[in-house]
PDBML (XML) file of the C-alpha atoms, coordinates in Angstrom:
<?xml version="1.0" encoding="UTF-8" ?>
<PDBx:datablock datablockName="MODEL"
   xmlns:PDBx="http://pdbml.pdb.org/schema/pdbx-v50.xsd"
   xmlns:xsi="http://www.w3.org/2001/XMLSchema-instance"
   xsi:schemaLocation="http://pdbml.pdb.org/schema/pdbx-v50.xsd pdbx-v50.xsd">
   <PDBx:atom_siteCategory>
      <PDBx:atom_site id="1">
         <PDBx:B_iso_or_equiv>0.00</PDBx:B_iso_or_equiv>
         <PDBx:Cartn_x>5.362</PDBx:Cartn_x>
         <PDBx:Cartn_y>19.370</PDBx:Cartn_y>
         <PDBx:Cartn_z>0.156</PDBx:Cartn_z>
         <PDBx:auth_asym_id>A</PDBx:auth_asym_id>
         <PDBx:auth_atom_id>CA</PDBx:auth_atom_id>
         <PDBx:auth_comp_id>THR</PDBx:auth_comp_id>
         <PDBx:auth_seq_id>1</PDBx:auth_seq_id>
         <PDBx:group_PDB>ATOM</PDBx:group_PDB>
         <PDBx:label_alt_id xsi:nil="true" />
         <PDBx:label_asym_id>A</PDBx:label_asym_id>
         <PDBx:label_atom_id>CA</PDBx:label_atom_id>
         <PDBx:label_comp_id>THR</PDBx:label_comp_id>
         <PDBx:label_entity_id>1</PDBx:label_entity_id>
         <PDBx:label_seq_id>1</PDBx:label_seq_id>
         <PDBx:occupancy>1.00</PDBx:occupancy>
         <PDBx:pdbx_PDB_model_num>1</PDBx:pdbx_PDB_model_num>
         <PDBx:type_symbol>C</PDBx:type_symbol>
      </PDBx:atom_site>
      <PDBx:atom_site id="2">
         <PDBx:B_iso_or_equiv>0.00</PDBx:B_iso_or_equiv>
         <PDBx:Cartn_x>1.564</PDBx:Cartn_x>
         <PDBx:Cartn_y>18.465</PDBx:Cartn_y>
         <PDBx:Cartn_z>-1.657</PDBx:Cartn_z>
         <PDBx:auth_asym_id>A</PDBx:auth_asym_id>
         <PDBx:auth_atom_id>CA</PDBx:auth_atom_id>
         <PDBx:auth_comp_id>LEU</PDBx:auth_comp_id>
         <PDBx:auth_seq_id>2</PDBx:auth_seq_id>
         <PDBx:group_PDB>ATOM</PDBx:group_PDB>
         <PDBx:label_alt_id xsi:nil="true" />
         <PDBx:label_asym_id>A</PDBx:label_asym_id>
         <PDBx:label_atom_id>CA</PDBx:label_atom_id>
         <PDBx:label_comp_id>LEU</PDBx:label_comp_id>
         <PDBx:label_entity_id>1</PDBx:label_entity_id>
         <PDBx:label_seq_id>2</PDBx:label_seq_id>
         <PDBx:occupancy>1.00</PDBx:occupancy>
         <PDBx:pdbx_PDB_model_num>1</PDBx:pdbx_PDB_model_num>
         <PDBx:type_symbol>C</PDBx:type_symbol>
      </PDBx:atom_site>
      <PDBx:atom_site id="3">
         <PDBx:B_iso_or_equiv>0.00</PDBx:B_iso_or_equiv>
         <PDBx:Cartn_x>1.745</PDBx:Cartn_x>
         <PDBx:Cartn_y>16.597</PDBx:Cartn_y>
         <PDBx:Cartn_z>-4.381</PDBx:Cartn_z>
         <PDBx:auth_asym_id>A</PDBx:auth_asym_id>
         <PDBx:auth_atom_id>CA</PDBx:auth_atom_id>
         <PDBx:auth_comp_id>THR</PDBx:auth_comp_id>
         <PDBx:auth_seq_id>3</PDBx:auth_seq_id>
         <PDBx:group_PDB>ATOM</PDBx:group_PDB>
         <PDBx:label_alt_id xsi:nil="true" />
         <PDBx:label_asym_id>A</PDBx:label_asym_id>
         <PDBx:label_atom_id>CA</PDBx:label_atom_id>
         <PDBx:label_comp_id>THR</PDBx:label_comp_id>
         <PDBx:label_entity_id>1</PDBx:label_entity_id>
         <PDBx:label_seq_id>3</PDBx:label_seq_id>
         <PDBx:occupancy>1.00</PDBx:occupancy>
         <PDBx:pdbx_PDB_model_num>1</PDBx:pdbx_PDB_model_num>
         <PDBx:type_symbol>C</PDBx:type_symbol>
      </PDBx:atom_site>
      <PDBx:atom_site id="4">
         <PDBx:B_iso_or_equiv>0.00</PDBx:B_iso_or_equiv>
         <PDBx:Cartn_x>-1.449</PDBx:Cartn_x>
         <PDBx:Cartn_y>15.873</PDBx:Cartn_y>
         <PDBx:Cartn_z>-6.382</PDBx:Cartn_z>
         <PDBx:auth_asym_id>A</PDBx:auth_asym_id>
         <PDBx:auth_atom_id>CA</PDBx:auth_atom_id>
         <PDBx:auth_comp_id>LEU</PDBx:auth_comp_id>
         <PDBx:auth_seq_id>4</PDBx:auth_seq_id>
         <PDBx:group_PDB>ATOM</PDBx:group_PDB>
         <PDBx:label_alt_id xsi:nil="true" />
         <PDBx:label_asym_id>A</PDBx:label_asym_id>
         <PDBx:label_atom_id>CA</PDBx:label_atom_id>
         <PDBx:label_comp_id>LEU</PDBx:label_comp_id>
         <PDBx:label_entity_id>1</PDBx:label_entity_id>
         <PDBx:label_seq_id>4</PDBx:label_seq_id>
         <PDBx:occupancy>1.00</PDBx:occupancy>
         <PDBx:pdbx_PDB_model_num>1</PDBx:pdbx_PDB_model_num>
         <PDBx:type_symbol>C</PDBx:type_symbol>
      </PDBx:atom_site>
      <PDBx:atom_site id="5">
         <PDBx:B_iso_or_equiv>0.00</PDBx:B_iso_or_equiv>
         <PDBx:Cartn_x>-1.626</PDBx:Cartn_x>
         <PDBx:Cartn_y>11.986</PDBx:Cartn_y>
         <PDBx:Cartn_z>-7.137</PDBx:Cartn_z>
         <PDBx:auth_asym_id>A</PDBx:auth_asym_id>
         <PDBx:auth_atom_id>CA</PDBx:auth_atom_id>
         <PDBx:auth_comp_id>ASN</PDBx:auth_comp_id>
         <PDBx:auth_seq_id>5</PDBx:auth_seq_id>
         <PDBx:group_PDB>ATOM</PDBx:group_PDB>
         <PDBx:label_alt_id xsi:nil="true" />
         <PDBx:label_asym_id>A</PDBx:label_asym_id>
         <PDBx:label_atom_id>CA</PDBx:label_atom_id>
         <PDBx:label_comp_id>ASN</PDBx:label_comp_id>
         <PDBx:label_entity_id>1</PDBx:label_entity_id>
         <PDBx:label_seq_id>5</PDBx:label_seq_id>
         <PDBx:occupancy>1.00</PDBx:occupancy>
         <PDBx:pdbx_PDB_model_num>1</PDBx:pdbx_PDB_model_num>
         <PDBx:type_symbol>C</PDBx:type_symbol>
      </PDBx:atom_site>
      <PDBx:atom_site id="6">
         <PDBx:B_iso_or_equiv>0.00</PDBx:B_iso_or_equiv>
         <PDBx:Cartn_x>-3.854</PDBx:Cartn_x>
         <PDBx:Cartn_y>11.280</PDBx:Cartn_y>
         <PDBx:Cartn_z>-10.153</PDBx:Cartn_z>
         <PDBx:auth_asym_id>A</PDBx:auth_asym_id>
         <PDBx:auth_atom_id>CA</PDBx:auth_atom_id>
         <PDBx:auth_comp_id>ARG</PDBx:auth_comp_id>
         <PDBx:auth_seq_id>6</PDBx:auth_seq_id>
         <PDBx:group_PDB>ATOM</PDBx:group_PDB>
         <PDBx:label_alt_id xsi:nil="true" />
         <PDBx:label_asym_id>A</PDBx:label_asym_id>
         <PDBx:label_atom_id>CA</PDBx:label_atom_id>
         <PDBx:label_comp_id>ARG</PDBx:label_comp_id>
         <PDBx:label_entity_id>1</PDBx:label_entity_id>
         <PDBx:label_seq_id>6</PDBx:label_seq_id>
         <PDBx:occupancy>1.00</PDBx:occupancy>
         <PDBx:pdbx_PDB_model_num>1</PDBx:pdbx_PDB_model_num>
         <PDBx:type_symbol>C</PDBx:type_symbol>
      </PDBx:atom_site>
      <PDBx:atom_site id="7">
         <PDBx:B_iso_or_equiv>0.00</PDBx:B_iso_or_equiv>
         <PDBx:Cartn_x>-1.021</PDBx:Cartn_x>
         <PDBx:Cartn_y>10.414</PDBx:Cartn_y>
         <PDBx:Cartn_z>-12.262</PDBx:Cartn_z>
         <PDBx:auth_asym_id>A</PDBx:auth_asym_id>
         <PDBx:auth_atom_id>CA</PDBx:auth_atom_id>
         <PDBx:auth_comp_id>PRO</PDBx:auth_comp_id>
         <PDBx:auth_seq_id>7</PDBx:auth_seq_id>
         <PDBx:group_PDB>ATOM</PDBx:group_PDB>
         <PDBx:label_alt_id xsi:nil="true" />
         <PDBx:label_asym_id>A</PDBx:label_asym_id>
         <PDBx:label_atom_id>CA</PDBx:label_atom_id>
         <PDBx:label_comp_id>PRO</PDBx:label_comp_id>
         <PDBx:label_entity_id>1</PDBx:label_entity_id>
         <PDBx:label_seq_id>7</PDBx:label_seq_id>
         <PDBx:occupancy>1.00</PDBx:occupancy>
         <PDBx:pdbx_PDB_model_num>1</PDBx:pdbx_PDB_model_num>
         <PDBx:type_symbol>C</PDBx:type_symbol>
      </PDBx:atom_site>
      <PDBx:atom_site id="8">
         <PDBx:B_iso_or_equiv>0.00</PDBx:B_iso_or_equiv>
         <PDBx:Cartn_x>-3.118</PDBx:Cartn_x>
         <PDBx:Cartn_y>8.526</PDBx:Cartn_y>
         <PDBx:Cartn_z>-14.677</PDBx:Cartn_z>
         <PDBx:auth_asym_id>A</PDBx:auth_asym_id>
         <PDBx:auth_atom_id>CA</PDBx:auth_atom_id>
         <PDBx:auth_comp_id>GLU</PDBx:auth_comp_id>
         <PDBx:auth_seq_id>8</PDBx:auth_seq_id>
         <PDBx:group_PDB>ATOM</PDBx:group_PDB>
         <PDBx:label_alt_id xsi:nil="true" />
         <PDBx:label_asym_id>A</PDBx:label_asym_id>
         <PDBx:label_atom_id>CA</PDBx:label_atom_id>
         <PDBx:label_comp_id>GLU</PDBx:label_comp_id>
         <PDBx:label_entity_id>1</PDBx:label_entity_id>
         <PDBx:label_seq_id>8</PDBx:label_seq_id>
         <PDBx:occupancy>1.00</PDBx:occupancy>
         <PDBx:pdbx_PDB_model_num>1</PDBx:pdbx_PDB_model_num>
         <PDBx:type_symbol>C</PDBx:type_symbol>
      </PDBx:atom_site>
      <PDBx:atom_site id="9">
         <PDBx:B_iso_or_equiv>0.00</PDBx:B_iso_or_equiv>
         <PDBx:Cartn_x>-5.573</PDBx:Cartn_x>
         <PDBx:Cartn_y>11.052</PDBx:Cartn_y>
         <PDBx:Cartn_z>-15.118</PDBx:Cartn_z>
         <PDBx:auth_asym_id>A</PDBx:auth_asym_id>
         <PDBx:auth_atom_id>CA</PDBx:auth_atom_id>
         <PDBx:auth_comp_id>ARG</PDBx:auth_comp_id>
         <PDBx:auth_seq_id>9</PDBx:auth_seq_id>
         <PDBx:group_PDB>ATOM</PDBx:group_PDB>
         <PDBx:label_alt_id xsi:nil="true" />
         <PDBx:label_asym_id>A</PDBx:label_asym_id>
         <PDBx:label_atom_id>CA</PDBx:label_atom_id>
         <PDBx:label_comp_id>ARG</PDBx:label_comp_id>
         <PDBx:label_entity_id>1</PDBx:label_entity_id>
         <PDBx:label_seq_id>9</PDBx:label_seq_id>
         <PDBx:occupancy>1.00</PDBx:occupancy>
         <PDBx:pdbx_PDB_model_num>1</PDBx:pdbx_PDB_model_num>
         <PDBx:type_symbol>C</PDBx:type_symbol>
      </PDBx:atom_site>
      <PDBx:atom_site id="10">
         <PDBx:B_iso_or_equiv>0.00</PDBx:B_iso_or_equiv>
         <PDBx:Cartn_x>-3.106</PDBx:Cartn_x>
         <PDBx:Cartn_y>14.010</PDBx:Cartn_y>
         <PDBx:Cartn_z>-15.628</PDBx:Cartn_z>
         <PDBx:auth_asym_id>A</PDBx:auth_asym_id>
         <PDBx:auth_atom_id>CA</PDBx:auth_atom_id>
         <PDBx:auth_comp_id>MET</PDBx:auth_comp_id>
         <PDBx:auth_seq_id>10</PDBx:auth_seq_id>
         <PDBx:group_PDB>ATOM</PDBx:group_PDB>
         <PDBx:label_alt_id xsi:nil="true" />
         <PDBx:label_asym_id>A</PDBx:label_asym_id>
         <PDBx:label_atom_id>CA</PDBx:label_atom_id>
         <PDBx:label_comp_id>MET</PDBx:label_comp_id>
         <PDBx:label_entity_id>1</PDBx:label_entity_id>
         <PDBx:label_seq_id>10</PDBx:label_seq_id>
         <PDBx:occupancy>1.00</PDBx:occupancy>
         <PDBx:pdbx_PDB_model_num>1</PDBx:pdbx_PDB_model_num>
         <PDBx:type_symbol>C</PDBx:type_symbol>
      </PDBx:atom_site>
      <PDBx:atom_site id="11">
         <PDBx:B_iso_or_equiv>0.00</PDBx:B_iso_or_equiv>
         <PDBx:Cartn_x>-4.322</PDBx:Cartn_x>
         <PDBx:Cartn_y>15.194</PDBx:Cartn_y>
         <PDBx:Cartn_z>-12.166</PDBx:Cartn_z>
         <PDBx:auth_asym_id>A</PDBx:auth_asym_id>
         <PDBx:auth_atom_id>CA</PDBx:auth_atom_id>
         <PDBx:auth_comp_id>ASN</PDBx:auth_comp_id>
         <PDBx:auth_seq_id>11</PDBx:auth_seq_id>
         <PDBx:group_PDB>ATOM</PDBx:group_PDB>
         <PDBx:label_alt_id xsi:nil="true" />
         <PDBx:label_asym_id>A</PDBx:label_asym_id>
         <PDBx:label_atom_id>CA</PDBx:label_atom_id>
         <PDBx:label_comp_id>ASN</PDBx:label_comp_id>
         <PDBx:label_entity_id>1</PDBx:label_entity_id>
         <PDBx:label_seq_id>11</PDBx:label_seq_id>
         <PDBx:occupancy>1.00</PDBx:occupancy>
         <PDBx:pdbx_PDB_model_num>1</PDBx:pdbx_PDB_model_num>
         <PDBx:type_symbol>C</PDBx:type_symbol>
      </PDBx:atom_site>
      <PDBx:atom_site id="12">
         <PDBx:B_iso_or_equiv>0.00</PDBx:B_iso_or_equiv>
         <PDBx:Cartn_x>-7.643</PDBx:Cartn_x>
         <PDBx:Cartn_y>15.934</PDBx:Cartn_y>
         <PDBx:Cartn_z>-13.044</PDBx:Cartn_z>
         <PDBx:auth_asym_id>A</PDBx:auth_asym_id>
         <PDBx:auth_atom_id>CA</PDBx:auth_atom_id>
         <PDBx:auth_comp_id>THR</PDBx:auth_comp_id>
         <PDBx:auth_seq_id>12</PDBx:auth_seq_id>
         <PDBx:group_PDB>ATOM</PDBx:group_PDB>
         <PDBx:label_alt_id xsi:nil="true" />
         <PDBx:label_asym_id>A</PDBx:label_asym_id>
         <PDBx:label_atom_id>CA</PDBx:label_atom_id>
         <PDBx:label_comp_id>THR</PDBx:label_comp_id>
         <PDBx:label_entity_id>1</PDBx:label_entity_id>
         <PDBx:label_seq_id>12</PDBx:label_seq_id>
         <PDBx:occupancy>1.00</PDBx:occupancy>
         <PDBx:pdbx_PDB_model_num>1</PDBx:pdbx_PDB_model_num>
         <PDBx:type_symbol>C</PDBx:type_symbol>
      </PDBx:atom_site>
      <PDBx:atom_site id="13">
         <PDBx:B_iso_or_equiv>0.00</PDBx:B_iso_or_equiv>
         <PDBx:Cartn_x>-9.508</PDBx:Cartn_x>
         <PDBx:Cartn_y>16.641</PDBx:Cartn_y>
         <PDBx:Cartn_z>-10.231</PDBx:Cartn_z>
         <PDBx:auth_asym_id>A</PDBx:auth_asym_id>
         <PDBx:auth_atom_id>CA</PDBx:auth_atom_id>
         <PDBx:auth_comp_id>ILE</PDBx:auth_comp_id>
         <PDBx:auth_seq_id>13</PDBx:auth_seq_id>
         <PDBx:group_PDB>ATOM</PDBx:group_PDB>
         <PDBx:label_alt_id xsi:nil="true" />
         <PDBx:label_asym_id>A</PDBx:label_asym_id>
         <PDBx:label_atom_id>CA</PDBx:label_atom_id>
         <PDBx:label_comp_id>ILE</PDBx:label_comp_id>
         <PDBx:label_entity_id>1</PDBx:label_entity_id>
         <PDBx:label_seq_id>13</PDBx:label_seq_id>
         <PDBx:occupancy>1.00</PDBx:occupancy>
         <PDBx:pdbx_PDB_model_num>1</PDBx:pdbx_PDB_model_num>
         <PDBx:type_symbol>C</PDBx:type_symbol>
      </PDBx:atom_site>
      <PDBx:atom_site id="14">
         <PDBx:B_iso_or_equiv>0.00</PDBx:B_iso_or_equiv>
         <PDBx:Cartn_x>-11.960</PDBx:Cartn_x>
         <PDBx:Cartn_y>14.669</PDBx:Cartn_y>
         <PDBx:Cartn_z>-7.979</PDBx:Cartn_z>
         <PDBx:auth_asym_id>A</PDBx:auth_asym_id>
         <PDBx:auth_atom_id>CA</PDBx:auth_atom_id>
         <PDBx:auth_comp_id>SER</PDBx:auth_comp_id>
         <PDBx:auth_seq_id>14</PDBx:auth_seq_id>
         <PDBx:group_PDB>ATOM</PDBx:group_PDB>
         <PDBx:label_alt_id xsi:nil="true" />
         <PDBx:label_asym_id>A</PDBx:label_asym_id>
         <PDBx:label_atom_id>CA</PDBx:label_atom_id>
         <PDBx:label_comp_id>SER</PDBx:label_comp_id>
         <PDBx:label_entity_id>1</PDBx:label_entity_id>
         <PDBx:label_seq_id>14</PDBx:label_seq_id>
         <PDBx:occupancy>1.00</PDBx:occupancy>
         <PDBx:pdbx_PDB_model_num>1</PDBx:pdbx_PDB_model_num>
         <PDBx:type_symbol>C</PDBx:type_symbol>
      </PDBx:atom_site>
      <PDBx:atom_site id="15">
         <PDBx:B_iso_or_equiv>0.00</PDBx:B_iso_or_equiv>
         <PDBx:Cartn_x>-14.411</PDBx:Cartn_x>
         <PDBx:Cartn_y>15.463</PDBx:Cartn_y>
         <PDBx:Cartn_z>-5.223</PDBx:Cartn_z>
         <PDBx:auth_asym_id>A</PDBx:auth_asym_id>
         <PDBx:auth_atom_id>CA</PDBx:auth_atom_id>
         <PDBx:auth_comp_id>ARG</PDBx:auth_comp_id>
         <PDBx:auth_seq_id>15</PDBx:auth_seq_id>
         <PDBx:group_PDB>ATOM</PDBx:group_PDB>
         <PDBx:label_alt_id xsi:nil="true" />
         <PDBx:label_asym_id>A</PDBx:label_asym_id>
         <PDBx:label_atom_id>CA</PDBx:label_atom_id>
         <PDBx:label_comp_id>ARG</PDBx:label_comp_id>
         <PDBx:label_entity_id>1</PDBx:label_entity_id>
         <PDBx:label_seq_id>15</PDBx:label_seq_id>
         <PDBx:occupancy>1.00</PDBx:occupancy>
         <PDBx:pdbx_PDB_model_num>1</PDBx:pdbx_PDB_model_num>
         <PDBx:type_symbol>C</PDBx:type_symbol>
      </PDBx:atom_site>
      <PDBx:atom_site id="16">
         <PDBx:B_iso_or_equiv>0.00</PDBx:B_iso_or_equiv>
         <PDBx:Cartn_x>-12.144</PDBx:Cartn_x>
         <PDBx:Cartn_y>13.079</PDBx:Cartn_y>
         <PDBx:Cartn_z>-2.537</PDBx:Cartn_z>
         <PDBx:auth_asym_id>A</PDBx:auth_asym_id>
         <PDBx:auth_atom_id>CA</PDBx:auth_atom_id>
         <PDBx:auth_comp_id>PRO</PDBx:auth_comp_id>
         <PDBx:auth_seq_id>16</PDBx:auth_seq_id>
         <PDBx:group_PDB>ATOM</PDBx:group_PDB>
         <PDBx:label_alt_id xsi:nil="true" />
         <PDBx:label_asym_id>A</PDBx:label_asym_id>
         <PDBx:label_atom_id>CA</PDBx:label_atom_id>
         <PDBx:label_comp_id>PRO</PDBx:label_comp_id>
         <PDBx:label_entity_id>1</PDBx:label_entity_id>
         <PDBx:label_seq_id>16</PDBx:label_seq_id>
         <PDBx:occupancy>1.00</PDBx:occupancy>
         <PDBx:pdbx_PDB_model_num>1</PDBx:pdbx_PDB_model_num>
         <PDBx:type_symbol>C</PDBx:type_symbol>
      </PDBx:atom_site>
      <PDBx:atom_site id="17">
         <PDBx:B_iso_or_equiv>0.00</PDBx:B_iso_or_equiv>
         <PDBx:Cartn_x>-8.711</PDBx:Cartn_x>
         <PDBx:Cartn_y>14.961</PDBx:Cartn_y>
         <PDBx:Cartn_z>-4.253</PDBx:Cartn_z>
         <PDBx:auth_asym_id>A</PDBx:auth_asym_id>
         <PDBx:auth_atom_id>CA</PDBx:auth_atom_id>
         <PDBx:auth_comp_id>MET</PDBx:auth_comp_id>
         <PDBx:auth_seq_id>17</PDBx:auth_seq_id>
         <PDBx:group_PDB>ATOM</PDBx:group_PDB>
         <PDBx:label_alt_id xsi:nil="true" />
         <PDBx:label_asym_id>A</PDBx:label_asym_id>
         <PDBx:label_atom_id>CA</PDBx:label_atom_id>
         <PDBx:label_comp_id>MET</PDBx:label_comp_id>
         <PDBx:label_entity_id>1</PDBx:label_entity_id>
         <PDBx:label_seq_id>17</PDBx:label_seq_id>
         <PDBx:occupancy>1.00</PDBx:occupancy>
         <PDBx:pdbx_PDB_model_num>1</PDBx:pdbx_PDB_model_num>
         <PDBx:type_symbol>C</PDBx:type_symbol>
      </PDBx:atom_site>
      <PDBx:atom_site id="18">
         <PDBx:B_iso_or_equiv>0.00</PDBx:B_iso_or_equiv>
         <PDBx:Cartn_x>-10.575</PDBx:Cartn_x>
         <PDBx:Cartn_y>18.938</PDBx:Cartn_y>
         <PDBx:Cartn_z>-3.149</PDBx:Cartn_z>
         <PDBx:auth_asym_id>A</PDBx:auth_asym_id>
         <PDBx:auth_atom_id>CA</PDBx:auth_atom_id>
         <PDBx:auth_comp_id>LEU</PDBx:auth_comp_id>
         <PDBx:auth_seq_id>18</PDBx:auth_seq_id>
         <PDBx:group_PDB>ATOM</PDBx:group_PDB>
         <PDBx:label_alt_id xsi:nil="true" />
         <PDBx:label_asym_id>A</PDBx:label_asym_id>
         <PDBx:label_atom_id>CA</PDBx:label_atom_id>
         <PDBx:label_comp_id>LEU</PDBx:label_comp_id>
         <PDBx:label_entity_id>1</PDBx:label_entity_id>
         <PDBx:label_seq_id>18</PDBx:label_seq_id>
         <PDBx:occupancy>1.00</PDBx:occupancy>
         <PDBx:pdbx_PDB_model_num>1</PDBx:pdbx_PDB_model_num>
         <PDBx:type_symbol>C</PDBx:type_symbol>
      </PDBx:atom_site>
      <PDBx:atom_site id="19">
         <PDBx:B_iso_or_equiv>0.00</PDBx:B_iso_or_equiv>
         <PDBx:Cartn_x>-11.727</PDBx:Cartn_x>
         <PDBx:Cartn_y>17.677</PDBx:Cartn_y>
         <PDBx:Cartn_z>0.189</PDBx:Cartn_z>
         <PDBx:auth_asym_id>A</PDBx:auth_asym_id>
         <PDBx:auth_atom_id>CA</PDBx:auth_atom_id>
         <PDBx:auth_comp_id>ALA</PDBx:auth_comp_id>
         <PDBx:auth_seq_id>19</PDBx:auth_seq_id>
         <PDBx:group_PDB>ATOM</PDBx:group_PDB>
         <PDBx:label_alt_id xsi:nil="true" />
         <PDBx:label_asym_id>A</PDBx:label_asym_id>
         <PDBx:label_atom_id>CA</PDBx:label_atom_id>
         <PDBx:label_comp_id>ALA</PDBx:label_comp_id>
         <PDBx:label_entity_id>1</PDBx:label_entity_id>
         <PDBx:label_seq_id>19</PDBx:label_seq_id>
         <PDBx:occupancy>1.00</PDBx:occupancy>
         <PDBx:pdbx_PDB_model_num>1</PDBx:pdbx_PDB_model_num>
         <PDBx:type_symbol>C</PDBx:type_symbol>
      </PDBx:atom_site>
      <PDBx:atom_site id="20">
         <PDBx:B_iso_or_equiv>0.00</PDBx:B_iso_or_equiv>
         <PDBx:Cartn_x>-7.975</PDBx:Cartn_x>
         <PDBx:Cartn_y>16.245</PDBx:Cartn_y>
         <PDBx:Cartn_z>0.831</PDBx:Cartn_z>
         <PDBx:auth_asym_id>A</PDBx:auth_asym_id>
         <PDBx:auth_atom_id>CA</PDBx:auth_atom_id>
         <PDBx:auth_comp_id>ARG</PDBx:auth_comp_id>
         <PDBx:auth_seq_id>20</PDBx:auth_seq_id>
         <PDBx:group_PDB>ATOM</PDBx:group_PDB>
         <PDBx:label_alt_id xsi:nil="true" />
         <PDBx:label_asym_id>A</PDBx:label_asym_id>
         <PDBx:label_atom_id>CA</PDBx:label_atom_id>
         <PDBx:label_comp_id>ARG</PDBx:label_comp_id>
         <PDBx:label_entity_id>1</PDBx:label_entity_id>
         <PDBx:label_seq_id>20</PDBx:label_seq_id>
         <PDBx:occupancy>1.00</PDBx:occupancy>
         <PDBx:pdbx_PDB_model_num>1</PDBx:pdbx_PDB_model_num>
         <PDBx:type_symbol>C</PDBx:type_symbol>
      </PDBx:atom_site>
      <PDBx:atom_site id="21">
         <PDBx:B_iso_or_equiv>0.00</PDBx:B_iso_or_equiv>
         <PDBx:Cartn_x>-6.431</PDBx:Cartn_x>
         <PDBx:Cartn_y>19.267</PDBx:Cartn_y>
         <PDBx:Cartn_z>-0.498</PDBx:Cartn_z>
         <PDBx:auth_asym_id>A</PDBx:auth_asym_id>
         <PDBx:auth_atom_id>CA</PDBx:auth_atom_id>
         <PDBx:auth_comp_id>LEU</PDBx:auth_comp_id>
         <PDBx:auth_seq_id>21</PDBx:auth_seq_id>
         <PDBx:group_PDB>ATOM</PDBx:group_PDB>
         <PDBx:label_alt_id xsi:nil="true" />
         <PDBx:label_asym_id>A</PDBx:label_asym_id>
         <PDBx:label_atom_id>CA</PDBx:label_atom_id>
         <PDBx:label_comp_id>LEU</PDBx:label_comp_id>
         <PDBx:label_entity_id>1</PDBx:label_entity_id>
         <PDBx:label_seq_id>21</PDBx:label_seq_id>
         <PDBx:occupancy>1.00</PDBx:occupancy>
         <PDBx:pdbx_PDB_model_num>1</PDBx:pdbx_PDB_model_num>
         <PDBx:type_symbol>C</PDBx:type_symbol>
      </PDBx:atom_site>
      <PDBx:atom_site id="22">
         <PDBx:B_iso_or_equiv>0.00</PDBx:B_iso_or_equiv>
         <PDBx:Cartn_x>-7.795</PDBx:Cartn_x>
         <PDBx:Cartn_y>21.619</PDBx:Cartn_y>
         <PDBx:Cartn_z>1.661</PDBx:Cartn_z>
         <PDBx:auth_asym_id>A</PDBx:auth_asym_id>
         <PDBx:auth_atom_id>CA</PDBx:auth_atom_id>
         <PDBx:auth_comp_id>ALA</PDBx:auth_comp_id>
         <PDBx:auth_seq_id>22</PDBx:auth_seq_id>
         <PDBx:group_PDB>ATOM</PDBx:group_PDB>
         <PDBx:label_alt_id xsi:nil="true" />
         <PDBx:label_asym_id>A</PDBx:label_asym_id>
         <PDBx:label_atom_id>CA</PDBx:label_atom_id>
         <PDBx:label_comp_id>ALA</PDBx:label_comp_id>
         <PDBx:label_entity_id>1</PDBx:label_entity_id>
         <PDBx:label_seq_id>22</PDBx:label_seq_id>
         <PDBx:occupancy>1.00</PDBx:occupancy>
         <PDBx:pdbx_PDB_model_num>1</PDBx:pdbx_PDB_model_num>
         <PDBx:type_symbol>C</PDBx:type_symbol>
      </PDBx:atom_site>
      <PDBx:atom_site id="23">
         <PDBx:B_iso_or_equiv>0.00</PDBx:B_iso_or_equiv>
         <PDBx:Cartn_x>-7.543</PDBx:Cartn_x>
         <PDBx:Cartn_y>19.339</PDBx:Cartn_y>
         <PDBx:Cartn_z>4.798</PDBx:Cartn_z>
         <PDBx:auth_asym_id>A</PDBx:auth_asym_id>
         <PDBx:auth_atom_id>CA</PDBx:auth_atom_id>
         <PDBx:auth_comp_id>ALA</PDBx:auth_comp_id>
         <PDBx:auth_seq_id>23</PDBx:auth_seq_id>
         <PDBx:group_PDB>ATOM</PDBx:group_PDB>
         <PDBx:label_alt_id xsi:nil="true" />
         <PDBx:label_asym_id>A</PDBx:label_asym_id>
         <PDBx:label_atom_id>CA</PDBx:label_atom_id>
         <PDBx:label_comp_id>ALA</PDBx:label_comp_id>
         <PDBx:label_entity_id>1</PDBx:label_entity_id>
         <PDBx:label_seq_id>23</PDBx:label_seq_id>
         <PDBx:occupancy>1.00</PDBx:occupancy>
         <PDBx:pdbx_PDB_model_num>1</PDBx:pdbx_PDB_model_num>
         <PDBx:type_symbol>C</PDBx:type_symbol>
      </PDBx:atom_site>
      <PDBx:atom_site id="24">
         <PDBx:B_iso_or_equiv>0.00</PDBx:B_iso_or_equiv>
         <PDBx:Cartn_x>-3.810</PDBx:Cartn_x>
         <PDBx:Cartn_y>19.822</PDBx:Cartn_y>
         <PDBx:Cartn_z>3.961</PDBx:Cartn_z>
         <PDBx:auth_asym_id>A</PDBx:auth_asym_id>
         <PDBx:auth_atom_id>CA</PDBx:auth_atom_id>
         <PDBx:auth_comp_id>LEU</PDBx:auth_comp_id>
         <PDBx:auth_seq_id>24</PDBx:auth_seq_id>
         <PDBx:group_PDB>ATOM</PDBx:group_PDB>
         <PDBx:label_alt_id xsi:nil="true" />
         <PDBx:label_asym_id>A</PDBx:label_asym_id>
         <PDBx:label_atom_id>CA</PDBx:label_atom_id>
         <PDBx:label_comp_id>LEU</PDBx:label_comp_id>
         <PDBx:label_entity_id>1</PDBx:label_entity_id>
         <PDBx:label_seq_id>24</PDBx:label_seq_id>
         <PDBx:occupancy>1.00</PDBx:occupancy>
         <PDBx:pdbx_PDB_model_num>1</PDBx:pdbx_PDB_model_num>
         <PDBx:type_symbol>C</PDBx:type_symbol>
      </PDBx:atom_site>
      <PDBx:atom_site id="25">
         <PDBx:B_iso_or_equiv>0.00</PDBx:B_iso_or_equiv>
         <PDBx:Cartn_x>-3.457</PDBx:Cartn_x>
         <PDBx:Cartn_y>22.580</PDBx:Cartn_y>
         <PDBx:Cartn_z>3.337</PDBx:Cartn_z>
         <PDBx:auth_asym_id>A</PDBx:auth_asym_id>
         <PDBx:auth_atom_id>CA</PDBx:auth_atom_id>
         <PDBx:auth_comp_id>LEU</PDBx:auth_comp_id>
         <PDBx:auth_seq_id>25</PDBx:auth_seq_id>
         <PDBx:group_PDB>ATOM</PDBx:group_PDB>
         <PDBx:label_alt_id xsi:nil="true" />
         <PDBx:label_asym_id>A</PDBx:label_asym_id>
         <PDBx:label_atom_id>CA</PDBx:label_atom_id>
         <PDBx:label_comp_id>LEU</PDBx:label_comp_id>
         <PDBx:label_entity_id>1</PDBx:label_entity_id>
         <PDBx:label_seq_id>25</PDBx:label_seq_id>
         <PDBx:occupancy>1.00</PDBx:occupancy>
         <PDBx:pdbx_PDB_model_num>1</PDBx:pdbx_PDB_model_num>
         <PDBx:type_symbol>C</PDBx:type_symbol>
      </PDBx:atom_site>
   </PDBx:atom_siteCategory>
</PDBx:datablock>
């Protein structure tokens, strides 16, 4: 289970989020 974890920003994307999401996939 991969969970986007920026709830205070409605999980809007950032560069660190994109890099980590790709790596975890």
